[in-house]
Amino acid sequence: MVKNIFKGISIFLVCFIGINIFAWMTGLADLQFYRYFGKQQANVQREIFKENKSYVEGMVSDLAKYKYELTIEKDPIAKRAIVDLIIDKYGNFDITKLEDISLQRFLIDIRNEKYNNIKESE
């Protein structure tokens, strides 16, 4: 009786270990691991990237360029497109990362729809 129980437990453990070794060797274990944890890891990496200095500097540089383009542009349709691009690109951007007060004010004005009075046809 004890031998049969021991034999059954042994067979179960050998099968369990064998299946895990097979899954690990074929990469199936990695797929299961990343199915559950990969999304969270990608989100964390994205947030770390957004805190990166080069990312912030690139966003600030682009915003300054868009502000300049908006001031020199004559075509109201192009102006509307620039405003829409800024709204889309900077919708979740942390405004406190802008050291330039004029760029902060500009982005606040865009978010507060100050530039919504641009007419598409004049």
PDB file of N, CA and C in Angstrom:
ATOM      1  N   MET A   1       0.816  -1.195   0.000  1.00  0.00           N
ATOM      2  CA  MET A   1       0.000   0.000   0.000  1.00  0.00           C
ATOM      3  C   MET A   1       0.865   1.266   0.000  1.00  0.00           C
ATOM      4  N   VAL A   2       1.847   1.339   0.892  1.00  0.00           N
ATOM      5  CA  VAL A   2       2.726   2.488   0.973  1.00  0.00           C
ATOM      6  C   VAL A   2       3.565   2.582  -0.295  1.00  0.00           C
ATOM      7  N   LYS A   3       3.960   1.398  -0.827  1.00  0.00           N
ATOM      8  CA  LYS A   3       4.750   1.393  -2.062  1.00  0.00           C
ATOM      9  C   LYS A   3       3.945   1.961  -3.223  1.00  0.00           C
ATOM     10  N   ASN A   4       2.648   1.652  -3.296  1.00  0.00           N
ATOM     11  CA  ASN A   4       1.800   2.165  -4.378  1.00  0.00           C
ATOM     12  C   ASN A   4       1.626   3.683  -4.274  1.00  0.00           C
ATOM     13  N   ILE A   5       1.475   4.191  -3.067  1.00  0.00           N
ATOM     14  CA  ILE A   5       1.342   5.633  -2.868  1.00  0.00           C
ATOM     15  C   ILE A   5       2.645   6.326  -3.259  1.00  0.00           C
ATOM     16  N   PHE A   6       3.766   5.771  -2.787  1.00  0.00           N
ATOM     17  CA  PHE A   6       5.075   6.334  -3.119  1.00  0.00           C
ATOM     18  C   PHE A   6       5.309   6.287  -4.630  1.00  0.00           C
ATOM     19  N   LYS A   7       4.908   5.187  -5.266  1.00  0.00           N
ATOM     20  CA  LYS A   7       5.067   5.030  -6.709  1.00  0.00           C
ATOM     21  C   LYS A   7       4.219   6.062  -7.455  1.00  0.00           C
ATOM     22  N   GLY A   8       2.996   6.284  -6.994  1.00  0.00           N
ATOM     23  CA  GLY A   8       2.110   7.260  -7.626  1.00  0.00           C
ATOM     24  C   GLY A   8       2.639   8.679  -7.501  1.00  0.00           C
ATOM     25  N   ILE A   9       3.129   9.022  -6.299  1.00  0.00           N
ATOM     26  CA  ILE A   9       3.700  10.359  -6.088  1.00  0.00           C
ATOM     27  C   ILE A   9       4.946  10.529  -6.938  1.00  0.00           C
ATOM     28  N   SER A  10       5.767   9.505  -7.024  1.00  0.00           N
ATOM     29  CA  SER A  10       6.996   9.571  -7.823  1.00  0.00           C
ATOM     30  C   SER A  10       6.686   9.777  -9.295  1.00  0.00           C
ATOM     31  N   ILE A  11       5.725   9.050  -9.809  1.00  0.00           N
ATOM     32  CA  ILE A  11       5.342   9.191 -11.227  1.00  0.00           C
ATOM     33  C   ILE A  11       4.806  10.603 -11.483  1.00  0.00           C
ATOM     34  N   PHE A  12       3.979  11.109 -10.570  1.00  0.00           N
ATOM     35  CA  PHE A  12       3.444  12.461 -10.718  1.00  0.00           C
ATOM     36  C   PHE A  12       4.573  13.495 -10.737  1.00  0.00           C
ATOM     37  N   LEU A  13       5.514  13.397  -9.799  1.00  0.00           N
ATOM     38  CA  LEU A  13       6.619  14.352  -9.741  1.00  0.00           C
ATOM     39  C   LEU A  13       7.498  14.271 -10.981  1.00  0.00           C
ATOM     40  N   VAL A  14       7.790  13.064 -11.452  1.00  0.00           N
ATOM     41  CA  VAL A  14       8.613  12.910 -12.664  1.00  0.00           C
ATOM     42  C   VAL A  14       7.898  13.526 -13.866  1.00  0.00           C
ATOM     43  N   CYS A  15       6.611  13.296 -13.999  1.00  0.00           N
ATOM     44  CA  CYS A  15       5.850  13.884 -15.113  1.00  0.00           C
ATOM     45  C   CYS A  15       5.804  15.408 -14.997  1.00  0.00           C
ATOM     46  N   PHE A  16       5.561  15.905 -13.800  1.00  0.00           N
ATOM     47  CA  PHE A  16       5.495  17.349 -13.584  1.00  0.00           C
ATOM     48  C   PHE A  16       6.831  18.011 -13.913  1.00  0.00           C
ATOM     49  N   ILE A  17       7.897  17.442 -13.424  1.00  0.00           N
ATOM     50  CA  ILE A  17       9.232  17.991 -13.701  1.00  0.00           C
ATOM     51  C   ILE A  17       9.562  17.858 -15.183  1.00  0.00           C
ATOM     52  N   GLY A  18       9.200  16.753 -15.786  1.00  0.00           N
ATOM     53  CA  GLY A  18       9.464  16.548 -17.215  1.00  0.00           C
ATOM     54  C   GLY A  18       8.721  17.554 -18.086  1.00  0.00           C
ATOM     55  N   ILE A  19       7.483  17.821 -17.758  1.00  0.00           N
ATOM     56  CA  ILE A  19       6.696  18.810 -18.516  1.00  0.00           C
ATOM     57  C   ILE A  19       7.301  20.200 -18.362  1.00  0.00           C
ATOM     58  N   ASN A  20       7.719  20.553 -17.151  1.00  0.00           N
ATOM     59  CA  ASN A  20       8.332  21.864 -16.930  1.00  0.00           C
ATOM     60  C   ASN A  20       9.664  22.001 -17.658  1.00  0.00           C
ATOM     61  N   ILE A  21      10.454  20.947 -17.654  1.00  0.00           N
ATOM     62  CA  ILE A  21      11.732  20.989 -18.390  1.00  0.00           C
ATOM     63  C   ILE A  21      11.468  21.127 -19.881  1.00  0.00           C
ATOM     64  N   PHE A  22      10.495  20.392 -20.404  1.00  0.00           N
ATOM     65  CA  PHE A  22      10.153  20.499 -21.823  1.00  0.00           C
ATOM     66  C   PHE A  22       9.674  21.911 -22.170  1.00  0.00           C
ATOM     67  N   ALA A  23       8.826  22.472 -21.322  1.00  0.00           N
ATOM     68  CA  ALA A  23       8.319  23.831 -21.578  1.00  0.00           C
ATOM     69  C   ALA A  23       9.456  24.847 -21.530  1.00  0.00           C
ATOM     70  N   TRP A  24      10.364  24.685 -20.593  1.00  0.00           N
ATOM     71  CA  TRP A  24      11.494  25.612 -20.481  1.00  0.00           C
ATOM     72  C   TRP A  24      12.418  25.493 -21.694  1.00  0.00           C
ATOM     73  N   MET A  25      12.685  24.263 -22.144  1.00  0.00           N
ATOM     74  CA  MET A  25      13.606  24.049 -23.273  1.00  0.00           C
ATOM     75  C   MET A  25      13.009  24.547 -24.588  1.00  0.00           C
ATOM     76  N   THR A  26      11.720  24.467 -24.741  1.00  0.00           N
ATOM     77  CA  THR A  26      11.096  24.900 -25.993  1.00  0.00           C
ATOM     78  C   THR A  26      10.682  26.360 -25.977  1.00  0.00           C
ATOM     79  N   GLY A  27      10.823  27.026 -24.840  1.00  0.00           N
ATOM     80  CA  GLY A  27      10.477  28.438 -24.759  1.00  0.00           C
ATOM     81  C   GLY A  27       9.024  28.696 -24.412  1.00  0.00           C
ATOM     82  N   LEU A  28       8.263  27.667 -24.199  1.00  0.00           N
ATOM     83  CA  LEU A  28       6.848  27.858 -23.858  1.00  0.00           C
ATOM     84  C   LEU A  28       6.690  28.521 -22.501  1.00  0.00           C
ATOM     85  N   ALA A  29       7.612  28.241 -21.591  1.00  0.00           N
ATOM     86  CA  ALA A  29       7.521  28.866 -20.271  1.00  0.00           C
ATOM     87  C   ALA A  29       7.705  30.378 -20.392  1.00  0.00           C
ATOM     88  N   ASP A  30       8.622  30.814 -21.270  1.00  0.00           N
ATOM     89  CA  ASP A  30       8.815  32.252 -21.473  1.00  0.00           C
ATOM     90  C   ASP A  30       7.562  32.906 -22.043  1.00  0.00           C
ATOM     91  N   LEU A  31       6.912  32.208 -22.966  1.00  0.00           N
ATOM     92  CA  LEU A  31       5.690  32.769 -23.544  1.00  0.00           C
ATOM     93  C   LEU A  31       4.614  32.944 -22.481  1.00  0.00           C
ATOM     94  N   GLN A  32       4.474  31.959 -21.624  1.00  0.00           N
ATOM     95  CA  GLN A  32       3.480  32.072 -20.558  1.00  0.00           C
ATOM     96  C   GLN A  32       3.849  33.178 -19.579  1.00  0.00           C
ATOM     97  N   PHE A  33       5.144  33.289 -19.281  1.00  0.00           N
ATOM     98  CA  PHE A  33       5.604  34.327 -18.367  1.00  0.00           C
ATOM     99  C   PHE A  33       5.305  35.706 -18.944  1.00  0.00           C
ATOM    100  N   TYR A  34       5.645  35.929 -20.205  1.00  0.00           N
ATOM    101  CA  TYR A  34       5.445  37.248 -20.816  1.00  0.00           C
ATOM    102  C   TYR A  34       3.982  37.537 -21.115  1.00  0.00           C
ATOM    103  N   ARG A  35       3.178  36.519 -21.243  1.00  0.00           N
ATOM    104  CA  ARG A  35       1.750  36.740 -21.440  1.00  0.00           C
ATOM    105  C   ARG A  35       1.167  37.474 -20.233  1.00  0.00           C
ATOM    106  N   TYR A  36       1.632  37.122 -19.062  1.00  0.00           N
ATOM    107  CA  TYR A  36       1.107  37.734 -17.847  1.00  0.00           C
ATOM    108  C   TYR A  36       1.885  38.968 -17.413  1.00  0.00           C
ATOM    109  N   PHE A  37       3.207  38.931 -17.531  1.00  0.00           N
ATOM    110  CA  PHE A  37       4.030  40.003 -16.992  1.00  0.00           C
ATOM    111  C   PHE A  37       4.592  40.943 -18.046  1.00  0.00           C
ATOM    112  N   GLY A  38       4.503  40.577 -19.295  1.00  0.00           N
ATOM    113  CA  GLY A  38       5.080  41.388 -20.366  1.00  0.00           C
ATOM    114  C   GLY A  38       4.413  42.740 -20.525  1.00  0.00           C
ATOM    115  N   LYS A  39       3.102  42.789 -20.392  1.00  0.00           N
ATOM    116  CA  LYS A  39       2.377  44.054 -20.544  1.00  0.00           C
ATOM    117  C   LYS A  39       2.750  45.033 -19.444  1.00  0.00           C
ATOM    118  N   GLN A  40       2.830  44.541 -18.219  1.00  0.00           N
ATOM    119  CA  GLN A  40       3.207  45.421 -17.111  1.00  0.00           C
ATOM    120  C   GLN A  40       4.638  45.921 -17.292  1.00  0.00           C
ATOM    121  N   GLN A  41       5.521  45.042 -17.745  1.00  0.00           N
ATOM    122  CA  GLN A  41       6.912  45.428 -17.959  1.00  0.00           C
ATOM    123  C   GLN A  41       7.008  46.475 -19.060  1.00  0.00           C
ATOM    124  N   ALA A  42       6.245  46.323 -20.122  1.00  0.00           N
ATOM    125  CA  ALA A  42       6.257  47.306 -21.209  1.00  0.00           C
ATOM    126  C   ALA A  42       5.738  48.653 -20.735  1.00  0.00           C
ATOM    127  N   ASN A  43       4.707  48.647 -19.898  1.00  0.00           N
ATOM    128  CA  ASN A  43       4.177  49.911 -19.368  1.00  0.00           C
ATOM    129  C   ASN A  43       5.199  50.614 -18.488  1.00  0.00           C
ATOM    130  N   VAL A  44       5.909  49.852 -17.682  1.00  0.00           N
ATOM    131  CA  VAL A  44       6.938  50.443 -16.814  1.00  0.00           C
ATOM    132  C   VAL A  44       8.058  51.020 -17.663  1.00  0.00           C
ATOM    133  N   GLN A  45       8.480  50.284 -18.689  1.00  0.00           N
ATOM    134  CA  GLN A  45       9.542  50.786 -19.564  1.00  0.00           C
ATOM    135  C   GLN A  45       9.103  52.063 -20.274  1.00  0.00           C
ATOM    136  N   ARG A  46       7.853  52.151 -20.672  1.00  0.00           N
ATOM    137  CA  ARG A  46       7.332  53.350 -21.329  1.00  0.00           C
ATOM    138  C   ARG A  46       7.369  54.546 -20.372  1.00  0.00           C
ATOM    139  N   GLU A  47       6.954  54.329 -19.136  1.00  0.00           N
ATOM    140  CA  GLU A  47       6.969  55.410 -18.150  1.00  0.00           C
ATOM    141  C   GLU A  47       8.395  55.866 -17.846  1.00  0.00           C
ATOM    142  N   ILE A  48       9.324  54.933 -17.783  1.00  0.00           N
ATOM    143  CA  ILE A  48      10.724  55.292 -17.566  1.00  0.00           C
ATOM    144  C   ILE A  48      11.236  56.108 -18.741  1.00  0.00           C
ATOM    145  N   PHE A  49      10.862  55.706 -19.955  1.00  0.00           N
ATOM    146  CA  PHE A  49      11.287  56.448 -21.144  1.00  0.00           C
ATOM    147  C   PHE A  49      10.742  57.874 -21.128  1.00  0.00           C
ATOM    148  N   LYS A  50       9.503  58.038 -20.692  1.00  0.00           N
ATOM    149  CA  LYS A  50       8.905  59.372 -20.651  1.00  0.00           C
ATOM    150  C   LYS A  50       9.586  60.274 -19.632  1.00  0.00           C
ATOM    151  N   GLU A  51      10.233  59.701 -18.641  1.00  0.00           N
ATOM    152  CA  GLU A  51      10.968  60.484 -17.659  1.00  0.00           C
ATOM    153  C   GLU A  51      12.389  60.797 -18.128  1.00  0.00           C
ATOM    154  N   ASN A  52      12.800  60.181 -19.218  1.00  0.00           N
ATOM    155  CA  ASN A  52      14.149  60.341 -19.743  1.00  0.00           C
ATOM    156  C   ASN A  52      14.383  61.784 -20.202  1.00  0.00           C
ATOM    157  N   LYS A  53      15.557  62.299 -19.942  1.00  0.00           N
ATOM    158  CA  LYS A  53      15.882  63.686 -20.273  1.00  0.00           C
ATOM    159  C   LYS A  53      15.820  63.941 -21.782  1.00  0.00           C
ATOM    160  N   SER A  54      16.303  63.013 -22.578  1.00  0.00           N
ATOM    161  CA  SER A  54      16.297  63.233 -24.026  1.00  0.00           C
ATOM    162  C   SER A  54      14.868  63.259 -24.578  1.00  0.00           C
ATOM    163  N   TYR A  55      13.972  62.457 -24.009  1.00  0.00           N
ATOM    164  CA  TYR A  55      12.578  62.482 -24.431  1.00  0.00           C
ATOM    165  C   TYR A  55      11.959  63.843 -24.144  1.00  0.00           C
ATOM    166  N   VAL A  56      12.176  64.331 -22.916  1.00  0.00           N
ATOM    167  CA  VAL A  56      11.610  65.621 -22.511  1.00  0.00           C
ATOM    168  C   VAL A  56      12.187  66.742 -23.368  1.00  0.00           C
ATOM    169  N   GLU A  57      13.502  66.727 -23.587  1.00  0.00           N
ATOM    170  CA  GLU A  57      14.123  67.772 -24.408  1.00  0.00           C
ATOM    171  C   GLU A  57      13.594  67.740 -25.844  1.00  0.00           C
ATOM    172  N   GLY A  58      13.368  66.553 -26.372  1.00  0.00           N
ATOM    173  CA  GLY A  58      12.798  66.438 -27.715  1.00  0.00           C
ATOM    174  C   GLY A  58      11.387  66.994 -27.782  1.00  0.00           C
ATOM    175  N   MET A  59      10.593  66.705 -26.765  1.00  0.00           N
ATOM    176  CA  MET A  59       9.229  67.230 -26.733  1.00  0.00           C
ATOM    177  C   MET A  59       9.231  68.752 -26.605  1.00  0.00           C
ATOM    178  N   VAL A  60      10.127  69.299 -25.779  1.00  0.00           N
ATOM    179  CA  VAL A  60      10.218  70.752 -25.613  1.00  0.00           C
ATOM    180  C   VAL A  60      10.646  71.400 -26.921  1.00  0.00           C
ATOM    181  N   SER A  61      11.622  70.811 -27.572  1.00  0.00           N
ATOM    182  CA  SER A  61      12.105  71.343 -28.850  1.00  0.00           C
ATOM    183  C   SER A  61      11.002  71.330 -29.906  1.00  0.00           C
ATOM    184  N   ASP A  62      10.274  70.237 -29.975  1.00  0.00           N
ATOM    185  CA  ASP A  62       9.172  70.150 -30.939  1.00  0.00           C
ATOM    186  C   ASP A  62       8.088  71.176 -30.637  1.00  0.00           C
ATOM    187  N   LEU A  63       7.779  71.367 -29.361  1.00  0.00           N
ATOM    188  CA  LEU A  63       6.747  72.338 -28.992  1.00  0.00           C
ATOM    189  C   LEU A  63       7.163  73.751 -29.397  1.00  0.00           C
ATOM    190  N   ALA A  64       8.432  74.080 -29.190  1.00  0.00           N
ATOM    191  CA  ALA A  64       8.930  75.404 -29.597  1.00  0.00           C
ATOM    192  C   ALA A  64       8.823  75.569 -31.108  1.00  0.00           C
ATOM    193  N   LYS A  65       9.113  74.507 -31.834  1.00  0.00           N
ATOM    194  CA  LYS A  65       9.004  74.548 -33.302  1.00  0.00           C
ATOM    195  C   LYS A  65       7.551  74.742 -33.733  1.00  0.00           C
ATOM    196  N   TYR A  66       6.633  74.024 -33.093  1.00  0.00           N
ATOM    197  CA  TYR A  66       5.213  74.167 -33.436  1.00  0.00           C
ATOM    198  C   TYR A  66       4.703  75.569 -33.109  1.00  0.00           C
ATOM    199  N   LYS A  67       5.164  76.112 -32.001  1.00  0.00           N
ATOM    200  CA  LYS A  67       4.763  77.467 -31.623  1.00  0.00           C
ATOM    201  C   LYS A  67       5.226  78.465 -32.675  1.00  0.00           C
ATOM    202  N   TYR A  68       6.451  78.314 -33.131  1.00  0.00           N
ATOM    203  CA  TYR A  68       6.988  79.210 -34.165  1.00  0.00           C
ATOM    204  C   TYR A  68       6.213  79.052 -35.473  1.00  0.00           C
ATOM    205  N   GLU A  69       5.966  77.811 -35.861  1.00  0.00           N
ATOM    206  CA  GLU A  69       5.212  77.562 -37.096  1.00  0.00           C
ATOM    207  C   GLU A  69       3.812  78.152 -37.018  1.00  0.00           C
ATOM    208  N   LEU A  70       3.211  78.082 -35.858  1.00  0.00           N
ATOM    209  CA  LEU A  70       1.869  78.627 -35.689  1.00  0.00           C
ATOM    210  C   LEU A  70       1.865  80.149 -35.822  1.00  0.00           C
ATOM    211  N   THR A  71       2.925  80.811 -35.373  1.00  0.00           N
ATOM    212  CA  THR A  71       2.970  82.271 -35.452  1.00  0.00           C
ATOM    213  C   THR A  71       3.242  82.766 -36.875  1.00  0.00           C
ATOM    214  N   ILE A  72       3.983  81.996 -37.669  1.00  0.00           N
ATOM    215  CA  ILE A  72       4.304  82.468 -39.024  1.00  0.00           C
ATOM    216  C   ILE A  72       3.326  81.962 -40.077  1.00  0.00           C
ATOM    217  N   GLU A  73       2.536  80.971 -39.739  1.00  0.00           N
ATOM    218  CA  GLU A  73       1.618  80.384 -40.724  1.00  0.00           C
ATOM    219  C   GLU A  73       0.455  81.331 -41.021  1.00  0.00           C
ATOM    220  N   LYS A  74       0.143  81.480 -42.292  1.00  0.00           N
ATOM    221  CA  LYS A  74      -0.965  82.350 -42.721  1.00  0.00           C
ATOM    222  C   LYS A  74      -2.249  81.560 -42.989  1.00  0.00           C
ATOM    223  N   ASP A  75      -2.100  80.341 -43.479  1.00  0.00           N
ATOM    224  CA  ASP A  75      -3.244  79.521 -43.868  1.00  0.00           C
ATOM    225  C   ASP A  75      -3.979  79.007 -42.625  1.00  0.00           C
ATOM    226  N   PRO A  76      -5.269  79.342 -42.483  1.00  0.00           N
ATOM    227  CA  PRO A  76      -6.016  78.905 -41.294  1.00  0.00           C
ATOM    228  C   PRO A  76      -6.173  77.385 -41.201  1.00  0.00           C
ATOM    229  N   ILE A  77      -6.211  76.703 -42.334  1.00  0.00           N
ATOM    230  CA  ILE A  77      -6.320  75.238 -42.300  1.00  0.00           C
ATOM    231  C   ILE A  77      -5.033  74.632 -41.753  1.00  0.00           C
ATOM    232  N   ALA A  78      -3.893  75.176 -42.174  1.00  0.00           N
ATOM    233  CA  ALA A  78      -2.610  74.693 -41.664  1.00  0.00           C
ATOM    234  C   ALA A  78      -2.472  75.011 -40.177  1.00  0.00           C
ATOM    235  N   LYS A  79      -2.945  76.195 -39.768  1.00  0.00           N
ATOM    236  CA  LYS A  79      -2.909  76.550 -38.351  1.00  0.00           C
ATOM    237  C   LYS A  79      -3.743  75.567 -37.522  1.00  0.00           C
ATOM    238  N   ARG A  80      -4.917  75.243 -38.017  1.00  0.00           N
ATOM    239  CA  ARG A  80      -5.790  74.292 -37.321  1.00  0.00           C
ATOM    240  C   ARG A  80      -5.109  72.924 -37.217  1.00  0.00           C
ATOM    241  N   ALA A  81      -4.403  72.535 -38.286  1.00  0.00           N
ATOM    242  CA  ALA A  81      -3.702  71.247 -38.278  1.00  0.00           C
ATOM    243  C   ALA A  81      -2.574  71.245 -37.237  1.00  0.00           C
ATOM    244  N   ILE A  82      -1.869  72.359 -37.116  1.00  0.00           N
ATOM    245  CA  ILE A  82      -0.797  72.460 -36.120  1.00  0.00           C
ATOM    246  C   ILE A  82      -1.380  72.378 -34.710  1.00  0.00           C
ATOM    247  N   VAL A  83      -2.462  73.082 -34.468  1.00  0.00           N
ATOM    248  CA  VAL A  83      -3.108  73.048 -33.152  1.00  0.00           C
ATOM    249  C   VAL A  83      -3.583  71.633 -32.834  1.00  0.00           C
ATOM    250  N   ASP A  84      -4.198  70.969 -33.810  1.00  0.00           N
ATOM    251  CA  ASP A  84      -4.669  69.603 -33.590  1.00  0.00           C
ATOM    252  C   ASP A  84      -3.508  68.648 -33.297  1.00  0.00           C
ATOM    253  N   LEU A  85      -2.388  68.850 -33.991  1.00  0.00           N
ATOM    254  CA  LEU A  85      -1.203  68.032 -33.752  1.00  0.00           C
ATOM    255  C   LEU A  85      -0.676  68.237 -32.332  1.00  0.00           C
ATOM    256  N   ILE A  86      -0.630  69.481 -31.899  1.00  0.00           N
ATOM    257  CA  ILE A  86      -0.155  69.779 -30.542  1.00  0.00           C
ATOM    258  C   ILE A  86      -1.085  69.152 -29.507  1.00  0.00           C
ATOM    259  N   ILE A  87      -2.380  69.284 -29.711  1.00  0.00           N
ATOM    260  CA  ILE A  87      -3.348  68.698 -28.778  1.00  0.00           C
ATOM    261  C   ILE A  87      -3.162  67.188 -28.697  1.00  0.00           C
ATOM    262  N   ASP A  88      -2.965  66.564 -29.837  1.00  0.00           N
ATOM    263  CA  ASP A  88      -2.798  65.113 -29.876  1.00  0.00           C
ATOM    264  C   ASP A  88      -1.485  64.670 -29.230  1.00  0.00           C
ATOM    265  N   LYS A  89      -0.408  65.353 -29.574  1.00  0.00           N
ATOM    266  CA  LYS A  89       0.922  64.933 -29.122  1.00  0.00           C
ATOM    267  C   LYS A  89       1.183  65.284 -27.661  1.00  0.00           C
ATOM    268  N   TYR A  90       0.637  66.389 -27.185  1.00  0.00           N
ATOM    269  CA  TYR A  90       0.944  66.873 -25.843  1.00  0.00           C
ATOM    270  C   TYR A  90      -0.225  66.740 -24.877  1.00  0.00           C
ATOM    271  N   GLY A  91      -1.187  65.923 -25.211  1.00  0.00           N
ATOM    272  CA  GLY A  91      -2.355  65.759 -24.355  1.00  0.00           C
ATOM    273  C   GLY A  91      -2.016  65.260 -22.963  1.00  0.00           C
ATOM    274  N   ASN A  92      -1.051  64.363 -22.836  1.00  0.00           N
ATOM    275  CA  ASN A  92      -0.687  63.800 -21.533  1.00  0.00           C
ATOM    276  C   ASN A  92       0.694  64.247 -21.070  1.00  0.00           C
ATOM    277  N   PHE A  93       1.252  65.242 -21.732  1.00  0.00           N
ATOM    278  CA  PHE A  93       2.596  65.701 -21.376  1.00  0.00           C
ATOM    279  C   PHE A  93       2.538  66.514 -20.086  1.00  0.00           C
ATOM    280  N   ASP A  94       3.466  66.241 -19.182  1.00  0.00           N
ATOM    281  CA  ASP A  94       3.532  66.943 -17.890  1.00  0.00           C
ATOM    282  C   ASP A  94       4.063  68.353 -18.114  1.00  0.00           C
ATOM    283  N   ILE A  95       3.200  69.330 -17.923  1.00  0.00           N
ATOM    284  CA  ILE A  95       3.542  70.722 -18.212  1.00  0.00           C
ATOM    285  C   ILE A  95       4.627  71.260 -17.284  1.00  0.00           C
ATOM    286  N   THR A  96       4.805  70.647 -16.124  1.00  0.00           N
ATOM    287  CA  THR A  96       5.829  71.121 -15.189  1.00  0.00           C
ATOM    288  C   THR A  96       7.238  70.842 -15.683  1.00  0.00           C
ATOM    289  N   LYS A  97       7.367  70.008 -16.690  1.00  0.00           N
ATOM    290  CA  LYS A  97       8.690  69.713 -17.247  1.00  0.00           C
ATOM    291  C   LYS A  97       9.165  70.785 -18.222  1.00  0.00           C
ATOM    292  N   LEU A  98       8.277  71.715 -18.547  1.00  0.00           N
ATOM    293  CA  LEU A  98       8.656  72.827 -19.422  1.00  0.00           C
ATOM    294  C   LEU A  98       9.273  73.922 -18.566  1.00  0.00           C
ATOM    295  N   GLU A  99      10.560  74.176 -18.774  1.00  0.00           N
ATOM    296  CA  GLU A  99      11.243  75.213 -17.997  1.00  0.00           C
ATOM    297  C   GLU A  99      10.934  76.608 -18.536  1.00  0.00           C
ATOM    298  N   ASP A 100      10.651  76.711 -19.813  1.00  0.00           N
ATOM    299  CA  ASP A 100      10.340  77.990 -20.456  1.00  0.00           C
ATOM    300  C   ASP A 100       8.889  78.372 -20.141  1.00  0.00           C
ATOM    301  N   ILE A 101       8.721  79.481 -19.469  1.00  0.00           N
ATOM    302  CA  ILE A 101       7.383  79.930 -19.051  1.00  0.00           C
ATOM    303  C   ILE A 101       6.500  80.221 -20.261  1.00  0.00           C
ATOM    304  N   SER A 102       7.088  80.770 -21.325  1.00  0.00           N
ATOM    305  CA  SER A 102       6.272  81.086 -22.504  1.00  0.00           C
ATOM    306  C   SER A 102       5.746  79.813 -23.155  1.00  0.00           C
ATOM    307  N   LEU A 103       6.534  78.733 -23.132  1.00  0.00           N
ATOM    308  CA  LEU A 103       6.041  77.463 -23.675  1.00  0.00           C
ATOM    309  C   LEU A 103       4.969  76.868 -22.762  1.00  0.00           C
ATOM    310  N   GLN A 104       5.135  77.030 -21.462  1.00  0.00           N
ATOM    311  CA  GLN A 104       4.081  76.574 -20.541  1.00  0.00           C
ATOM    312  C   GLN A 104       2.776  77.298 -20.832  1.00  0.00           C
ATOM    313  N   ARG A 105       2.840  78.615 -20.958  1.00  0.00           N
ATOM    314  CA  ARG A 105       1.654  79.433 -21.225  1.00  0.00           C
ATOM    315  C   ARG A 105       1.040  79.029 -22.564  1.00  0.00           C
ATOM    316  N   PHE A 106       1.886  78.814 -23.574  1.00  0.00           N
ATOM    317  CA  PHE A 106       1.411  78.411 -24.899  1.00  0.00           C
ATOM    318  C   PHE A 106       0.655  77.082 -24.820  1.00  0.00           C
ATOM    319  N   LEU A 107       1.234  76.104 -24.130  1.00  0.00           N
ATOM    320  CA  LEU A 107       0.579  74.805 -24.036  1.00  0.00           C
ATOM    321  C   LEU A 107      -0.715  74.893 -23.220  1.00  0.00           C
ATOM    322  N   ILE A 108      -0.710  75.698 -22.182  1.00  0.00           N
ATOM    323  CA  ILE A 108      -1.942  75.906 -21.413  1.00  0.00           C
ATOM    324  C   ILE A 108      -3.022  76.533 -22.293  1.00  0.00           C
ATOM    325  N   ASP A 109      -2.630  77.521 -23.109  1.00  0.00           N
ATOM    326  CA  ASP A 109      -3.594  78.156 -24.016  1.00  0.00           C
ATOM    327  C   ASP A 109      -4.145  77.156 -25.030  1.00  0.00           C
ATOM    328  N   ILE A 110      -3.277  76.305 -25.543  1.00  0.00           N
ATOM    329  CA  ILE A 110      -3.734  75.272 -26.493  1.00  0.00           C
ATOM    330  C   ILE A 110      -4.721  74.340 -25.793  1.00  0.00           C
ATOM    331  N   ARG A 111      -4.363  73.887 -24.605  1.00  0.00           N
ATOM    332  CA  ARG A 111      -5.244  72.972 -23.864  1.00  0.00           C
ATOM    333  C   ARG A 111      -6.558  73.630 -23.472  1.00  0.00           C
ATOM    334  N   ASN A 112      -6.527  74.928 -23.202  1.00  0.00           N
ATOM    335  CA  ASN A 112      -7.745  75.649 -22.838  1.00  0.00           C
ATOM    336  C   ASN A 112      -8.520  76.140 -24.058  1.00  0.00           C
ATOM    337  N   GLU A 113      -8.108  75.696 -25.212  1.00  0.00           N
ATOM    338  CA  GLU A 113      -8.797  75.946 -26.478  1.00  0.00           C
ATOM    339  C   GLU A 113      -8.825  77.422 -26.861  1.00  0.00           C
ATOM    340  N   LYS A 114      -7.792  78.151 -26.474  1.00  0.00           N
ATOM    341  CA  LYS A 114      -7.706  79.559 -26.876  1.00  0.00           C
ATOM    342  C   LYS A 114      -7.583  79.682 -28.395  1.00  0.00           C
ATOM    343  N   TYR A 115      -6.977  78.684 -29.004  1.00  0.00           N
ATOM    344  CA  TYR A 115      -6.750  78.724 -30.451  1.00  0.00           C
ATOM    345  C   TYR A 115      -7.887  78.076 -31.237  1.00  0.00           C
ATOM    346  N   ASN A 116      -9.005  77.800 -30.611  1.00  0.00           N
ATOM    347  CA  ASN A 116     -10.134  77.195 -31.312  1.00  0.00           C
ATOM    348  C   ASN A 116     -10.849  78.172 -32.232  1.00  0.00           C
ATOM    349  N   ASN A 117     -10.568  79.458 -32.123  1.00  0.00           N
ATOM    350  CA  ASN A 117     -11.250  80.429 -32.956  1.00  0.00           C
ATOM    351  C   ASN A 117     -10.620  80.555 -34.338  1.00  0.00           C
ATOM    352  N   ILE A 118      -9.668  79.686 -34.662  1.00  0.00           N
ATOM    353  CA  ILE A 118      -9.068  79.703 -35.996  1.00  0.00           C
ATOM    354  C   ILE A 118     -10.118  79.196 -36.969  1.00  0.00           C
ATOM    355  N   LYS A 119     -10.422  80.002 -37.947  1.00  0.00           N
ATOM    356  CA  LYS A 119     -11.435  79.629 -38.925  1.00  0.00           C
ATOM    357  C   LYS A 119     -10.764  78.878 -40.057  1.00  0.00           C
ATOM    358  N   GLU A 120     -11.451  77.829 -40.534  1.00  0.00           N
ATOM    359  CA  GLU A 120     -10.882  77.019 -41.597  1.00  0.00           C
ATOM    360  C   GLU A 120     -11.075  77.659 -42.965  1.00  0.00           C
ATOM    361  N   SER A 121     -11.923  78.606 -43.052  1.00  0.00           N
ATOM    362  CA  SER A 121     -12.061  79.314 -44.335  1.00  0.00           C
ATOM    363  C   SER A 121     -12.301  80.797 -44.063  1.00  0.00           C
ATOM    364  N   GLU A 122     -11.519  81.605 -44.687  1.00  0.00           N
ATOM    365  CA  GLU A 122     -11.663  83.043 -44.492  1.00  0.00           C
ATOM    366  C   GLU A 122     -11.963  83.719 -45.821  1.00  0.00           C
TER     367      GLU A 122
END
